Amino acid sequence: MDNTLMEALQMEIKEKSKDLVSIAMPITGKVKQPMGFLHGGATVALAETAASIGGMEHVDALAQAVVGIEINCNHLRAKKDGVIVAKATPVHIGKRTMVWTINVEDEDEELIAISRCTLGIINQ
């Protein structure tokens, strides 16, 4: 996706359906905090991106869009290199809101973070 945060952080969609969105992101200097570890904000950006792409699978993209209302994230393990993958699954798909759970894992399938994102459904 040109000229988006996805492009800037090198996020790559691996799987996309109504039930699961998987997006990978390499741990580069672009996503590290000053001490050299993966920045929590980059992890949250990846998680919300996965939830939002999943949310768009549930709406009419010509008439509606999804926007983040709330997101939380528990960072469980520090990383300095490698690749992380956000795996988003829906918990609730409503008429005006959606709730997604996102597990962020590393290349060894170790859990790095867990997040929950609430999306709002808006008319375009």
PDB file of N, CA and C in Angstrom:
ATOM      1  N   MET A   1       0.846  -1.172   0.000  1.00  0.00           N
ATOM      2  CA  MET A   1       0.000   0.000   0.000  1.00  0.00           C
ATOM      3  C   MET A   1       0.894   1.239   0.000  1.00  0.00           C
ATOM      4  N   ASP A   2       0.923   1.914  -1.122  1.00  0.00           N
ATOM      5  CA  ASP A   2       1.805   3.058  -1.310  1.00  0.00           C
ATOM      6  C   ASP A   2       1.444   4.221  -0.400  1.00  0.00           C
ATOM      7  N   ASN A   3       2.503   4.898   0.077  1.00  0.00           N
ATOM      8  CA  ASN A   3       2.368   6.100   0.899  1.00  0.00           C
ATOM      9  C   ASN A   3       1.498   5.890   2.139  1.00  0.00           C
ATOM     10  N   THR A   4       1.661   4.759   2.788  1.00  0.00           N
ATOM     11  CA  THR A   4       0.938   4.473   4.023  1.00  0.00           C
ATOM     12  C   THR A   4       1.937   4.055   5.095  1.00  0.00           C
ATOM     13  N   LEU A   5       1.471   3.944   6.310  1.00  0.00           N
ATOM     14  CA  LEU A   5       2.308   3.440   7.393  1.00  0.00           C
ATOM     15  C   LEU A   5       2.761   2.015   7.100  1.00  0.00           C
ATOM     16  N   MET A   6       1.913   1.253   6.431  1.00  0.00           N
ATOM     17  CA  MET A   6       2.294  -0.116   6.068  1.00  0.00           C
ATOM     18  C   MET A   6       3.560  -0.107   5.219  1.00  0.00           C
ATOM     19  N   GLU A   7       3.625   0.769   4.251  1.00  0.00           N
ATOM     20  CA  GLU A   7       4.804   0.855   3.395  1.00  0.00           C
ATOM     21  C   GLU A   7       6.019   1.341   4.194  1.00  0.00           C
ATOM     22  N   ALA A   8       5.836   2.368   4.997  1.00  0.00           N
ATOM     23  CA  ALA A   8       6.948   2.932   5.761  1.00  0.00           C
ATOM     24  C   ALA A   8       7.574   1.914   6.712  1.00  0.00           C
ATOM     25  N   LEU A   9       6.741   1.050   7.306  1.00  0.00           N
ATOM     26  CA  LEU A   9       7.241   0.076   8.275  1.00  0.00           C
ATOM     27  C   LEU A   9       7.436  -1.311   7.660  1.00  0.00           C
ATOM     28  N   GLN A  10       7.267  -1.413   6.354  1.00  0.00           N
ATOM     29  CA  GLN A  10       7.500  -2.643   5.600  1.00  0.00           C
ATOM     30  C   GLN A  10       6.572  -3.792   6.024  1.00  0.00           C
ATOM     31  N   MET A  11       5.330  -3.457   6.337  1.00  0.00           N
ATOM     32  CA  MET A  11       4.346  -4.476   6.690  1.00  0.00           C
ATOM     33  C   MET A  11       3.900  -5.209   5.433  1.00  0.00           C
ATOM     34  N   GLU A  12       3.734  -6.529   5.552  1.00  0.00           N
ATOM     35  CA  GLU A  12       3.330  -7.348   4.411  1.00  0.00           C
ATOM     36  C   GLU A  12       2.192  -8.275   4.821  1.00  0.00           C
ATOM     37  N   ILE A  13       1.092  -8.191   4.099  1.00  0.00           N
ATOM     38  CA  ILE A  13      -0.056  -9.061   4.365  1.00  0.00           C
ATOM     39  C   ILE A  13       0.298 -10.475   3.935  1.00  0.00           C
ATOM     40  N   LYS A  14       0.146 -11.421   4.867  1.00  0.00           N
ATOM     41  CA  LYS A  14       0.409 -12.831   4.583  1.00  0.00           C
ATOM     42  C   LYS A  14      -0.880 -13.614   4.350  1.00  0.00           C
ATOM     43  N   GLU A  15      -1.932 -13.218   5.053  1.00  0.00           N
ATOM     44  CA  GLU A  15      -3.228 -13.897   4.943  1.00  0.00           C
ATOM     45  C   GLU A  15      -4.314 -12.880   5.227  1.00  0.00           C
ATOM     46  N   LYS A  16      -5.424 -12.971   4.478  1.00  0.00           N
ATOM     47  CA  LYS A  16      -6.526 -12.023   4.680  1.00  0.00           C
ATOM     48  C   LYS A  16      -7.844 -12.717   4.421  1.00  0.00           C
ATOM     49  N   SER A  17      -8.673 -12.794   5.473  1.00  0.00           N
ATOM     50  CA  SER A  17     -10.026 -13.327   5.343  1.00  0.00           C
ATOM     51  C   SER A  17     -10.882 -12.687   6.432  1.00  0.00           C
ATOM     52  N   LYS A  18     -12.169 -13.015   6.440  1.00  0.00           N
ATOM     53  CA  LYS A  18     -13.053 -12.491   7.483  1.00  0.00           C
ATOM     54  C   LYS A  18     -12.694 -13.014   8.867  1.00  0.00           C
ATOM     55  N   ASP A  19     -12.025 -14.153   8.926  1.00  0.00           N
ATOM     56  CA  ASP A  19     -11.745 -14.807  10.198  1.00  0.00           C
ATOM     57  C   ASP A  19     -10.309 -14.673  10.679  1.00  0.00           C
ATOM     58  N   LEU A  20      -9.392 -14.282   9.792  1.00  0.00           N
ATOM     59  CA  LEU A  20      -7.984 -14.162  10.181  1.00  0.00           C
ATOM     60  C   LEU A  20      -7.243 -13.237   9.222  1.00  0.00           C
ATOM     61  N   VAL A  21      -6.520 -12.288   9.809  1.00  0.00           N
ATOM     62  CA  VAL A  21      -5.587 -11.467   9.041  1.00  0.00           C
ATOM     63  C   VAL A  21      -4.233 -11.639   9.678  1.00  0.00           C
ATOM     64  N   SER A  22      -3.245 -11.916   8.841  1.00  0.00           N
ATOM     65  CA  SER A  22      -1.876 -12.110   9.301  1.00  0.00           C
ATOM     66  C   SER A  22      -0.975 -11.138   8.541  1.00  0.00           C
ATOM     67  N   ILE A  23      -0.236 -10.307   9.285  1.00  0.00           N
ATOM     68  CA  ILE A  23       0.657  -9.317   8.675  1.00  0.00           C
ATOM     69  C   ILE A  23       2.025  -9.420   9.330  1.00  0.00           C
ATOM     70  N   ALA A  24       3.061  -9.493   8.513  1.00  0.00           N
ATOM     71  CA  ALA A  24       4.444  -9.567   9.003  1.00  0.00           C
ATOM     72  C   ALA A  24       5.105  -8.195   8.919  1.00  0.00           C
ATOM     73  N   MET A  25       6.036  -7.952   9.850  1.00  0.00           N
ATOM     74  CA  MET A  25       6.813  -6.716   9.852  1.00  0.00           C
ATOM     75  C   MET A  25       8.228  -7.022  10.337  1.00  0.00           C
ATOM     76  N   PRO A  26       9.248  -6.668   9.545  1.00  0.00           N
ATOM     77  CA  PRO A  26      10.615  -6.903   9.995  1.00  0.00           C
ATOM     78  C   PRO A  26      11.005  -5.909  11.082  1.00  0.00           C
ATOM     79  N   ILE A  27      11.854  -6.346  11.986  1.00  0.00           N
ATOM     80  CA  ILE A  27      12.366  -5.446  13.024  1.00  0.00           C
ATOM     81  C   ILE A  27      13.621  -4.788  12.461  1.00  0.00           C
ATOM     82  N   THR A  28      13.445  -3.566  12.002  1.00  0.00           N
ATOM     83  CA  THR A  28      14.535  -2.766  11.439  1.00  0.00           C
ATOM     84  C   THR A  28      14.718  -1.528  12.311  1.00  0.00           C
ATOM     85  N   GLY A  29      15.679  -0.706  11.953  1.00  0.00           N
ATOM     86  CA  GLY A  29      15.884   0.544  12.680  1.00  0.00           C
ATOM     87  C   GLY A  29      14.671   1.438  12.683  1.00  0.00           C
ATOM     88  N   LYS A  30      13.812   1.307  11.685  1.00  0.00           N
ATOM     89  CA  LYS A  30      12.602   2.137  11.596  1.00  0.00           C
ATOM     90  C   LYS A  30      11.619   1.873  12.723  1.00  0.00           C
ATOM     91  N   VAL A  31      11.684   0.679  13.328  1.00  0.00           N
ATOM     92  CA  VAL A  31      10.686   0.307  14.338  1.00  0.00           C
ATOM     93  C   VAL A  31      11.311   0.064  15.717  1.00  0.00           C
ATOM     94  N   LYS A  32      12.527   0.550  15.912  1.00  0.00           N
ATOM     95  CA  LYS A  32      13.196   0.367  17.206  1.00  0.00           C
ATOM     96  C   LYS A  32      13.141   1.634  18.039  1.00  0.00           C
ATOM     97  N   GLN A  33      13.123   1.465  19.356  1.00  0.00           N
ATOM     98  CA  GLN A  33      13.224   2.599  20.265  1.00  0.00           C
ATOM     99  C   GLN A  33      14.712   2.889  20.498  1.00  0.00           C
ATOM    100  N   PRO A  34      15.053   4.001  21.153  1.00  0.00           N
ATOM    101  CA  PRO A  34      16.459   4.399  21.278  1.00  0.00           C
ATOM    102  C   PRO A  34      17.382   3.361  21.919  1.00  0.00           C
ATOM    103  N   MET A  35      16.872   2.445  22.728  1.00  0.00           N
ATOM    104  CA  MET A  35      17.703   1.427  23.357  1.00  0.00           C
ATOM    105  C   MET A  35      17.922   0.213  22.456  1.00  0.00           C
ATOM    106  N   GLY A  36      17.372   0.243  21.244  1.00  0.00           N
ATOM    107  CA  GLY A  36      17.611  -0.814  20.281  1.00  0.00           C
ATOM    108  C   GLY A  36      16.590  -1.939  20.251  1.00  0.00           C
ATOM    109  N   PHE A  37      15.547  -1.831  21.064  1.00  0.00           N
ATOM    110  CA  PHE A  37      14.498  -2.849  21.095  1.00  0.00           C
ATOM    111  C   PHE A  37      13.325  -2.429  20.214  1.00  0.00           C
ATOM    112  N   LEU A  38      12.531  -3.408  19.811  1.00  0.00           N
ATOM    113  CA  LEU A  38      11.296  -3.139  19.084  1.00  0.00           C
ATOM    114  C   LEU A  38      10.458  -2.139  19.881  1.00  0.00           C
ATOM    115  N   HIS A  39      10.023  -1.080  19.233  1.00  0.00           N
ATOM    116  CA  HIS A  39       9.210  -0.043  19.875  1.00  0.00           C
ATOM    117  C   HIS A  39       7.786  -0.543  20.063  1.00  0.00           C
ATOM    118  N   GLY A  40       7.248  -0.357  21.251  1.00  0.00           N
ATOM    119  CA  GLY A  40       5.875  -0.784  21.527  1.00  0.00           C
ATOM    120  C   GLY A  40       4.870  -0.130  20.616  1.00  0.00           C
ATOM    121  N   GLY A  41       5.115   1.115  20.238  1.00  0.00           N
ATOM    122  CA  GLY A  41       4.204   1.808  19.334  1.00  0.00           C
ATOM    123  C   GLY A  41       4.150   1.161  17.959  1.00  0.00           C
ATOM    124  N   ALA A  42       5.283   0.637  17.503  1.00  0.00           N
ATOM    125  CA  ALA A  42       5.310  -0.058  16.214  1.00  0.00           C
ATOM    126  C   ALA A  42       4.518  -1.357  16.302  1.00  0.00           C
ATOM    127  N   THR A  43       4.626  -2.034  17.433  1.00  0.00           N
ATOM    128  CA  THR A  43       3.860  -3.263  17.645  1.00  0.00           C
ATOM    129  C   THR A  43       2.365  -2.956  17.627  1.00  0.00           C
ATOM    130  N   VAL A  44       1.974  -1.875  18.286  1.00  0.00           N
ATOM    131  CA  VAL A  44       0.562  -1.474  18.318  1.00  0.00           C
ATOM    132  C   VAL A  44       0.088  -1.079  16.921  1.00  0.00           C
ATOM    133  N   ALA A  45       0.929  -0.375  16.164  1.00  0.00           N
ATOM    134  CA  ALA A  45       0.566   0.000  14.792  1.00  0.00           C
ATOM    135  C   ALA A  45       0.322  -1.242  13.939  1.00  0.00           C
ATOM    136  N   LEU A  46       1.169  -2.246  14.102  1.00  0.00           N
ATOM    137  CA  LEU A  46       0.985  -3.504  13.370  1.00  0.00           C
ATOM    138  C   LEU A  46      -0.321  -4.176  13.776  1.00  0.00           C
ATOM    139  N   ALA A  47      -0.593  -4.212  15.073  1.00  0.00           N
ATOM    140  CA  ALA A  47      -1.818  -4.849  15.568  1.00  0.00           C
ATOM    141  C   ALA A  47      -3.067  -4.148  15.035  1.00  0.00           C
ATOM    142  N   GLU A  48      -3.098  -2.818  15.100  1.00  0.00           N
ATOM    143  CA  GLU A  48      -4.279  -2.092  14.625  1.00  0.00           C
ATOM    144  C   GLU A  48      -4.441  -2.230  13.120  1.00  0.00           C
ATOM    145  N   THR A  49      -3.342  -2.289  12.402  1.00  0.00           N
ATOM    146  CA  THR A  49      -3.410  -2.472  10.955  1.00  0.00           C
ATOM    147  C   THR A  49      -4.047  -3.820  10.624  1.00  0.00           C
ATOM    148  N   ALA A  50      -3.632  -4.866  11.322  1.00  0.00           N
ATOM    149  CA  ALA A  50      -4.204  -6.195  11.081  1.00  0.00           C
ATOM    150  C   ALA A  50      -5.702  -6.207  11.387  1.00  0.00           C
ATOM    151  N   ALA A  51      -6.099  -5.619  12.505  1.00  0.00           N
ATOM    152  CA  ALA A  51      -7.521  -5.570  12.859  1.00  0.00           C
ATOM    153  C   ALA A  51      -8.307  -4.770  11.824  1.00  0.00           C
ATOM    154  N   SER A  52      -7.770  -3.645  11.400  1.00  0.00           N
ATOM    155  CA  SER A  52      -8.475  -2.788  10.444  1.00  0.00           C
ATOM    156  C   SER A  52      -8.650  -3.465   9.094  1.00  0.00           C
ATOM    157  N   ILE A  53      -7.626  -4.150   8.626  1.00  0.00           N
ATOM    158  CA  ILE A  53      -7.753  -4.871   7.352  1.00  0.00           C
ATOM    159  C   ILE A  53      -8.791  -5.980   7.487  1.00  0.00           C
ATOM    160  N   GLY A  54      -8.806  -6.652   8.623  1.00  0.00           N
ATOM    161  CA  GLY A  54      -9.835  -7.653   8.867  1.00  0.00           C
ATOM    162  C   GLY A  54     -11.223  -7.036   8.920  1.00  0.00           C
ATOM    163  N   GLY A  55     -11.317  -5.901   9.569  1.00  0.00           N
ATOM    164  CA  GLY A  55     -12.605  -5.212   9.653  1.00  0.00           C
ATOM    165  C   GLY A  55     -13.169  -4.849   8.300  1.00  0.00           C
ATOM    166  N   MET A  56     -12.293  -4.447   7.379  1.00  0.00           N
ATOM    167  CA  MET A  56     -12.754  -4.085   6.037  1.00  0.00           C
ATOM    168  C   MET A  56     -13.329  -5.282   5.281  1.00  0.00           C
ATOM    169  N   GLU A  57     -12.968  -6.487   5.703  1.00  0.00           N
ATOM    170  CA  GLU A  57     -13.530  -7.692   5.082  1.00  0.00           C
ATOM    171  C   GLU A  57     -15.004  -7.876   5.438  1.00  0.00           C
ATOM    172  N   HIS A  58     -15.476  -7.155   6.458  1.00  0.00           N
ATOM    173  CA  HIS A  58     -16.848  -7.318   6.948  1.00  0.00           C
ATOM    174  C   HIS A  58     -17.784  -6.186   6.537  1.00  0.00           C
ATOM    175  N   VAL A  59     -17.279  -5.199   5.808  1.00  0.00           N
ATOM    176  CA  VAL A  59     -18.122  -4.069   5.409  1.00  0.00           C
ATOM    177  C   VAL A  59     -18.129  -3.923   3.896  1.00  0.00           C
ATOM    178  N   ASP A  60     -19.046  -3.113   3.398  1.00  0.00           N
ATOM    179  CA  ASP A  60     -19.088  -2.758   1.981  1.00  0.00           C
ATOM    180  C   ASP A  60     -18.079  -1.629   1.780  1.00  0.00           C
ATOM    181  N   ALA A  61     -16.922  -1.945   1.215  1.00  0.00           N
ATOM    182  CA  ALA A  61     -15.820  -0.983   1.094  1.00  0.00           C
ATOM    183  C   ALA A  61     -16.168   0.225   0.229  1.00  0.00           C
ATOM    184  N   LEU A  62     -17.204   0.137  -0.595  1.00  0.00           N
ATOM    185  CA  LEU A  62     -17.613   1.283  -1.406  1.00  0.00           C
ATOM    186  C   LEU A  62     -18.431   2.286  -0.609  1.00  0.00           C
ATOM    187  N   ALA A  63     -19.071   1.827   0.461  1.00  0.00           N
ATOM    188  CA  ALA A  63     -19.953   2.693   1.236  1.00  0.00           C
ATOM    189  C   ALA A  63     -19.483   2.913   2.671  1.00  0.00           C
ATOM    190  N   GLN A  64     -18.623   2.029   3.184  1.00  0.00           N
ATOM    191  CA  GLN A  64     -18.226   2.089   4.591  1.00  0.00           C
ATOM    192  C   GLN A  64     -16.718   1.957   4.748  1.00  0.00           C
ATOM    193  N   ALA A  65     -16.262   2.338   5.925  1.00  0.00           N
ATOM    194  CA  ALA A  65     -14.863   2.157   6.311  1.00  0.00           C
ATOM    195  C   ALA A  65     -14.835   1.814   7.792  1.00  0.00           C
ATOM    196  N   VAL A  66     -13.688   1.360   8.257  1.00  0.00           N
ATOM    197  CA  VAL A  66     -13.520   1.118   9.693  1.00  0.00           C
ATOM    198  C   VAL A  66     -12.438   2.048  10.216  1.00  0.00           C
ATOM    199  N   VAL A  67     -12.606   2.464  11.455  1.00  0.00           N
ATOM    200  CA  VAL A  67     -11.631   3.337  12.117  1.00  0.00           C
ATOM    201  C   VAL A  67     -11.399   2.828  13.527  1.00  0.00           C
ATOM    202  N   GLY A  68     -10.199   3.000  14.014  1.00  0.00           N
ATOM    203  CA  GLY A  68      -9.884   2.582  15.371  1.00  0.00           C
ATOM    204  C   GLY A  68     -10.570   3.468  16.392  1.00  0.00           C
ATOM    205  N   ILE A  69     -11.192   2.843  17.376  1.00  0.00           N
ATOM    206  CA  ILE A  69     -11.799   3.562  18.497  1.00  0.00           C
ATOM    207  C   ILE A  69     -10.925   3.417  19.735  1.00  0.00           C
ATOM    208  N   GLU A  70     -10.431   2.193  19.961  1.00  0.00           N
ATOM    209  CA  GLU A  70      -9.619   1.928  21.153  1.00  0.00           C
ATOM    210  C   GLU A  70      -8.715   0.752  20.857  1.00  0.00           C
ATOM    211  N   ILE A  71      -7.504   0.789  21.420  1.00  0.00           N
ATOM    212  CA  ILE A  71      -6.606  -0.349  21.321  1.00  0.00           C
ATOM    213  C   ILE A  71      -5.794  -0.426  22.604  1.00  0.00           C
ATOM    214  N   ASN A  72      -5.571  -1.652  23.045  1.00  0.00           N
ATOM    215  CA  ASN A  72      -4.645  -1.859  24.168  1.00  0.00           C
ATOM    216  C   ASN A  72      -3.673  -2.937  23.757  1.00  0.00           C
ATOM    217  N   CYS A  73      -2.554  -2.987  24.443  1.00  0.00           N
ATOM    218  CA  CYS A  73      -1.534  -3.955  24.069  1.00  0.00           C
ATOM    219  C   CYS A  73      -0.681  -4.286  25.280  1.00  0.00           C
ATOM    220  N   ASN A  74      -0.536  -5.556  25.555  1.00  0.00           N
ATOM    221  CA  ASN A  74       0.395  -6.018  26.583  1.00  0.00           C
ATOM    222  C   ASN A  74       1.635  -6.534  25.874  1.00  0.00           C
ATOM    223  N   HIS A  75       2.773  -5.904  26.155  1.00  0.00           N
ATOM    224  CA  HIS A  75       4.047  -6.298  25.560  1.00  0.00           C
ATOM    225  C   HIS A  75       4.671  -7.341  26.476  1.00  0.00           C
ATOM    226  N   LEU A  76       4.887  -8.541  25.960  1.00  0.00           N
ATOM    227  CA  LEU A  76       5.287  -9.678  26.785  1.00  0.00           C
ATOM    228  C   LEU A  76       6.758 -10.062  26.659  1.00  0.00           C
ATOM    229  N   ARG A  77       7.367  -9.731  25.530  1.00  0.00           N
ATOM    230  CA  ARG A  77       8.745 -10.156  25.284  1.00  0.00           C
ATOM    231  C   ARG A  77       9.439  -9.092  24.437  1.00  0.00           C
ATOM    232  N   ALA A  78      10.677  -8.756  24.797  1.00  0.00           N
ATOM    233  CA  ALA A  78      11.463  -7.783  24.032  1.00  0.00           C
ATOM    234  C   ALA A  78      12.118  -8.473  22.838  1.00  0.00           C
ATOM    235  N   LYS A  79      12.283  -7.708  21.758  1.00  0.00           N
ATOM    236  CA  LYS A  79      12.941  -8.215  20.545  1.00  0.00           C
ATOM    237  C   LYS A  79      13.875  -7.134  20.009  1.00  0.00           C
ATOM    238  N   LYS A  80      15.013  -7.557  19.460  1.00  0.00           N
ATOM    239  CA  LYS A  80      15.942  -6.619  18.835  1.00  0.00           C
ATOM    240  C   LYS A  80      16.070  -6.845  17.331  1.00  0.00           C
ATOM    241  N   ASP A  81      15.685  -8.019  16.863  1.00  0.00           N
ATOM    242  CA  ASP A  81      15.798  -8.310  15.437  1.00  0.00           C
ATOM    243  C   ASP A  81      14.805  -9.398  15.062  1.00  0.00           C
ATOM    244  N   GLY A  82      14.784  -9.718  13.789  1.00  0.00           N
ATOM    245  CA  GLY A  82      13.866 -10.748  13.310  1.00  0.00           C
ATOM    246  C   GLY A  82      12.623 -10.156  12.681  1.00  0.00           C
ATOM    247  N   VAL A  83      11.551 -10.922  12.748  1.00  0.00           N
ATOM    248  CA  VAL A  83      10.274 -10.544  12.145  1.00  0.00           C
ATOM    249  C   VAL A  83       9.175 -10.826  13.159  1.00  0.00           C
ATOM    250  N   ILE A  84       8.199  -9.931  13.223  1.00  0.00           N
ATOM    251  CA  ILE A  84       7.016 -10.203  14.034  1.00  0.00           C
ATOM    252  C   ILE A  84       5.815 -10.320  13.102  1.00  0.00           C
ATOM    253  N   VAL A  85       4.835 -11.098  13.547  1.00  0.00           N
ATOM    254  CA  VAL A  85       3.629 -11.329  12.754  1.00  0.00           C
ATOM    255  C   VAL A  85       2.417 -11.102  13.642  1.00  0.00           C
ATOM    256  N   ALA A  86       1.537 -10.217  13.205  1.00  0.00           N
ATOM    257  CA  ALA A  86       0.273  -9.975  13.902  1.00  0.00           C
ATOM    258  C   ALA A  86      -0.791 -10.868  13.300  1.00  0.00           C
ATOM    259  N   LYS A  87      -1.506 -11.595  14.165  1.00  0.00           N
ATOM    260  CA  LYS A  87      -2.592 -12.471  13.726  1.00  0.00           C
ATOM    261  C   LYS A  87      -3.877 -11.988  14.392  1.00  0.00           C
ATOM    262  N   ALA A  88      -4.733 -11.375  13.591  1.00  0.00           N
ATOM    263  CA  ALA A  88      -5.966 -10.766  14.104  1.00  0.00           C
ATOM    264  C   ALA A  88      -7.157 -11.666  13.829  1.00  0.00           C
ATOM    265  N   THR A  89      -7.971 -11.861  14.880  1.00  0.00           N
ATOM    266  CA  THR A  89      -9.203 -12.643  14.754  1.00  0.00           C
ATOM    267  C   THR A  89     -10.357 -11.865  15.383  1.00  0.00           C
ATOM    268  N   PRO A  90     -11.541 -11.938  14.784  1.00  0.00           N
ATOM    269  CA  PRO A  90     -12.678 -11.187  15.332  1.00  0.00           C
ATOM    270  C   PRO A  90     -13.259 -11.842  16.583  1.00  0.00           C
ATOM    271  N   VAL A  91     -13.646 -10.991  17.522  1.00  0.00           N
ATOM    272  CA  VAL A  91     -14.346 -11.423  18.733  1.00  0.00           C
ATOM    273  C   VAL A  91     -15.821 -11.042  18.616  1.00  0.00           C
ATOM    274  N   HIS A  92     -16.069  -9.859  18.028  1.00  0.00           N
ATOM    275  CA  HIS A  92     -17.441  -9.341  17.886  1.00  0.00           C
ATOM    276  C   HIS A  92     -17.525  -8.553  16.580  1.00  0.00           C
ATOM    277  N   ILE A  93     -18.511  -8.875  15.770  1.00  0.00           N
ATOM    278  CA  ILE A  93     -18.781  -8.122  14.547  1.00  0.00           C
ATOM    279  C   ILE A  93     -20.206  -7.605  14.661  1.00  0.00           C
ATOM    280  N   GLY A  94     -20.330  -6.302  14.925  1.00  0.00           N
ATOM    281  CA  GLY A  94     -21.649  -5.703  15.072  1.00  0.00           C
ATOM    282  C   GLY A  94     -21.979  -4.784  13.910  1.00  0.00           C
ATOM    283  N   LYS A  95     -23.087  -4.059  14.058  1.00  0.00           N
ATOM    284  CA  LYS A  95     -23.513  -3.129  13.011  1.00  0.00           C
ATOM    285  C   LYS A  95     -22.709  -1.836  13.033  1.00  0.00           C
ATOM    286  N   ARG A  96     -22.248  -1.421  14.209  1.00  0.00           N
ATOM    287  CA  ARG A  96     -21.523  -0.160  14.347  1.00  0.00           C
ATOM    288  C   ARG A  96     -20.109  -0.316  14.896  1.00  0.00           C
ATOM    289  N   THR A  97     -19.834  -1.465  15.532  1.00  0.00           N
ATOM    290  CA  THR A  97     -18.501  -1.687  16.094  1.00  0.00           C
ATOM    291  C   THR A  97     -18.046  -3.122  15.871  1.00  0.00           C
ATOM    292  N   MET A  98     -16.755  -3.312  15.977  1.00  0.00           N
ATOM    293  CA  MET A  98     -16.142  -4.637  15.929  1.00  0.00           C
ATOM    294  C   MET A  98     -15.074  -4.679  17.012  1.00  0.00           C
ATOM    295  N   VAL A  99     -14.818  -5.864  17.535  1.00  0.00           N
ATOM    296  CA  VAL A  99     -13.717  -6.072  18.474  1.00  0.00           C
ATOM    297  C   VAL A  99     -12.859  -7.206  17.928  1.00  0.00           C
ATOM    298  N   TRP A 100     -11.552  -6.965  17.891  1.00  0.00           N
ATOM    299  CA  TRP A 100     -10.588  -7.942  17.372  1.00  0.00           C
ATOM    300  C   TRP A 100      -9.530  -8.223  18.429  1.00  0.00           C
ATOM    301  N   THR A 101      -9.103  -9.468  18.505  1.00  0.00           N
ATOM    302  CA  THR A 101      -7.945  -9.857  19.315  1.00  0.00           C
ATOM    303  C   THR A 101      -6.783 -10.078  18.356  1.00  0.00           C
ATOM    304  N   ILE A 102      -5.623  -9.565  18.729  1.00  0.00           N
ATOM    305  CA  ILE A 102      -4.443  -9.686  17.886  1.00  0.00           C
ATOM    306  C   ILE A 102      -3.300 -10.269  18.701  1.00  0.00           C
ATOM    307  N   ASN A 103      -2.812 -11.431  18.288  1.00  0.00           N
ATOM    308  CA  ASN A 103      -1.612 -12.016  18.878  1.00  0.00           C
ATOM    309  C   ASN A 103      -0.433 -11.645  17.991  1.00  0.00           C
ATOM    310  N   VAL A 104       0.610 -11.113  18.596  1.00  0.00           N
ATOM    311  CA  VAL A 104       1.819 -10.763  17.853  1.00  0.00           C
ATOM    312  C   VAL A 104       2.897 -11.762  18.243  1.00  0.00           C
ATOM    313  N   GLU A 105       3.377 -12.493  17.253  1.00  0.00           N
ATOM    314  CA  GLU A 105       4.368 -13.551  17.476  1.00  0.00           C
ATOM    315  C   GLU A 105       5.637 -13.243  16.701  1.00  0.00           C
ATOM    316  N   ASP A 106       6.744 -13.871  17.113  1.00  0.00           N
ATOM    317  CA  ASP A 106       7.982 -13.722  16.357  1.00  0.00           C
ATOM    318  C   ASP A 106       8.136 -14.885  15.387  1.00  0.00           C
ATOM    319  N   GLU A 107       9.286 -14.942  14.724  1.00  0.00           N
ATOM    320  CA  GLU A 107       9.528 -15.975  13.711  1.00  0.00           C
ATOM    321  C   GLU A 107       9.557 -17.384  14.301  1.00  0.00           C
ATOM    322  N   ASP A 108       9.731 -17.512  15.618  1.00  0.00           N
ATOM    323  CA  ASP A 108       9.702 -18.811  16.289  1.00  0.00           C
ATOM    324  C   ASP A 108       8.338 -19.116  16.905  1.00  0.00           C
ATOM    325  N   GLU A 109       7.338 -18.301  16.574  1.00  0.00           N
ATOM    326  CA  GLU A 109       5.975 -18.397  17.085  1.00  0.00           C
ATOM    327  C   GLU A 109       5.895 -18.169  18.593  1.00  0.00           C
ATOM    328  N   GLU A 110       6.877 -17.431  19.130  1.00  0.00           N
ATOM    329  CA  GLU A 110       6.835 -17.002  20.536  1.00  0.00           C
ATOM    330  C   GLU A 110       5.923 -15.782  20.623  1.00  0.00           C
ATOM    331  N   LEU A 111       5.064 -15.732  21.625  1.00  0.00           N
ATOM    332  CA  LEU A 111       4.147 -14.613  21.798  1.00  0.00           C
ATOM    333  C   LEU A 111       4.928 -13.387  22.277  1.00  0.00           C
ATOM    334  N   ILE A 112       4.882 -12.319  21.500  1.00  0.00           N
ATOM    335  CA  ILE A 112       5.594 -11.074  21.804  1.00  0.00           C
ATOM    336  C   ILE A 112       4.652 -10.084  22.476  1.00  0.00           C
ATOM    337  N   ALA A 113       3.409 -10.045  22.010  1.00  0.00           N
ATOM    338  CA  ALA A 113       2.420  -9.112  22.558  1.00  0.00           C
ATOM    339  C   ALA A 113       1.027  -9.639  22.252  1.00  0.00           C
ATOM    340  N   ILE A 114       0.074  -9.166  23.048  1.00  0.00           N
ATOM    341  CA  ILE A 114      -1.337  -9.475  22.788  1.00  0.00           C
ATOM    342  C   ILE A 114      -2.105  -8.164  22.869  1.00  0.00           C
ATOM    343  N   SER A 115      -3.015  -7.988  21.939  1.00  0.00           N
ATOM    344  CA  SER A 115      -3.715  -6.716  21.826  1.00  0.00           C
ATOM    345  C   SER A 115      -5.194  -6.955  21.581  1.00  0.00           C
ATOM    346  N   ARG A 116      -5.995  -5.969  21.944  1.00  0.00           N
ATOM    347  CA  ARG A 116      -7.417  -5.970  21.610  1.00  0.00           C
ATOM    348  C   ARG A 116      -7.741  -4.617  21.005  1.00  0.00           C
ATOM    349  N   CYS A 117      -8.444  -4.626  19.894  1.00  0.00           N
ATOM    350  CA  CYS A 117      -8.749  -3.399  19.166  1.00  0.00           C
ATOM    351  C   CYS A 117     -10.253  -3.310  18.895  1.00  0.00           C
ATOM    352  N   THR A 118     -10.819  -2.161  19.222  1.00  0.00           N
ATOM    353  CA  THR A 118     -12.220  -1.881  18.909  1.00  0.00           C
ATOM    354  C   THR A 118     -12.248  -0.957  17.703  1.00  0.00           C
ATOM    355  N   LEU A 119     -13.013  -1.351  16.702  1.00  0.00           N
ATOM    356  CA  LEU A 119     -13.164  -0.562  15.480  1.00  0.00           C
ATOM    357  C   LEU A 119     -14.570  -0.003  15.394  1.00  0.00           C
ATOM    358  N   GLY A 120     -14.678   1.196  14.855  1.00  0.00           N
ATOM    359  CA  GLY A 120     -15.967   1.781  14.545  1.00  0.00           C
ATOM    360  C   GLY A 120     -16.224   1.638  13.051  1.00  0.00           C
ATOM    361  N   ILE A 121     -17.461   1.424  12.682  1.00  0.00           N
ATOM    362  CA  ILE A 121     -17.856   1.321  11.278  1.00  0.00           C
ATOM    363  C   ILE A 121     -18.517   2.641  10.901  1.00  0.00           C
ATOM    364  N   ILE A 122     -17.953   3.289   9.888  1.00  0.00           N
ATOM    365  CA  ILE A 122     -18.478   4.603   9.485  1.00  0.00           C
ATOM    366  C   ILE A 122     -18.876   4.567   8.014  1.00  0.00           C
ATOM    367  N   ASN A 123     -19.755   5.496   7.636  1.00  0.00           N
ATOM    368  CA  ASN A 123     -20.106   5.667   6.224  1.00  0.00           C
ATOM    369  C   ASN A 123     -19.082   6.588   5.588  1.00  0.00           C
ATOM    370  N   GLN A 124     -18.745   6.278   4.342  1.00  0.00           N
ATOM    371  CA  GLN A 124     -17.754   7.096   3.623  1.00  0.00           C
ATOM    372  C   GLN A 124     -18.409   8.304   2.985  1.00  0.00           C
TER     373      GLN A 124
END
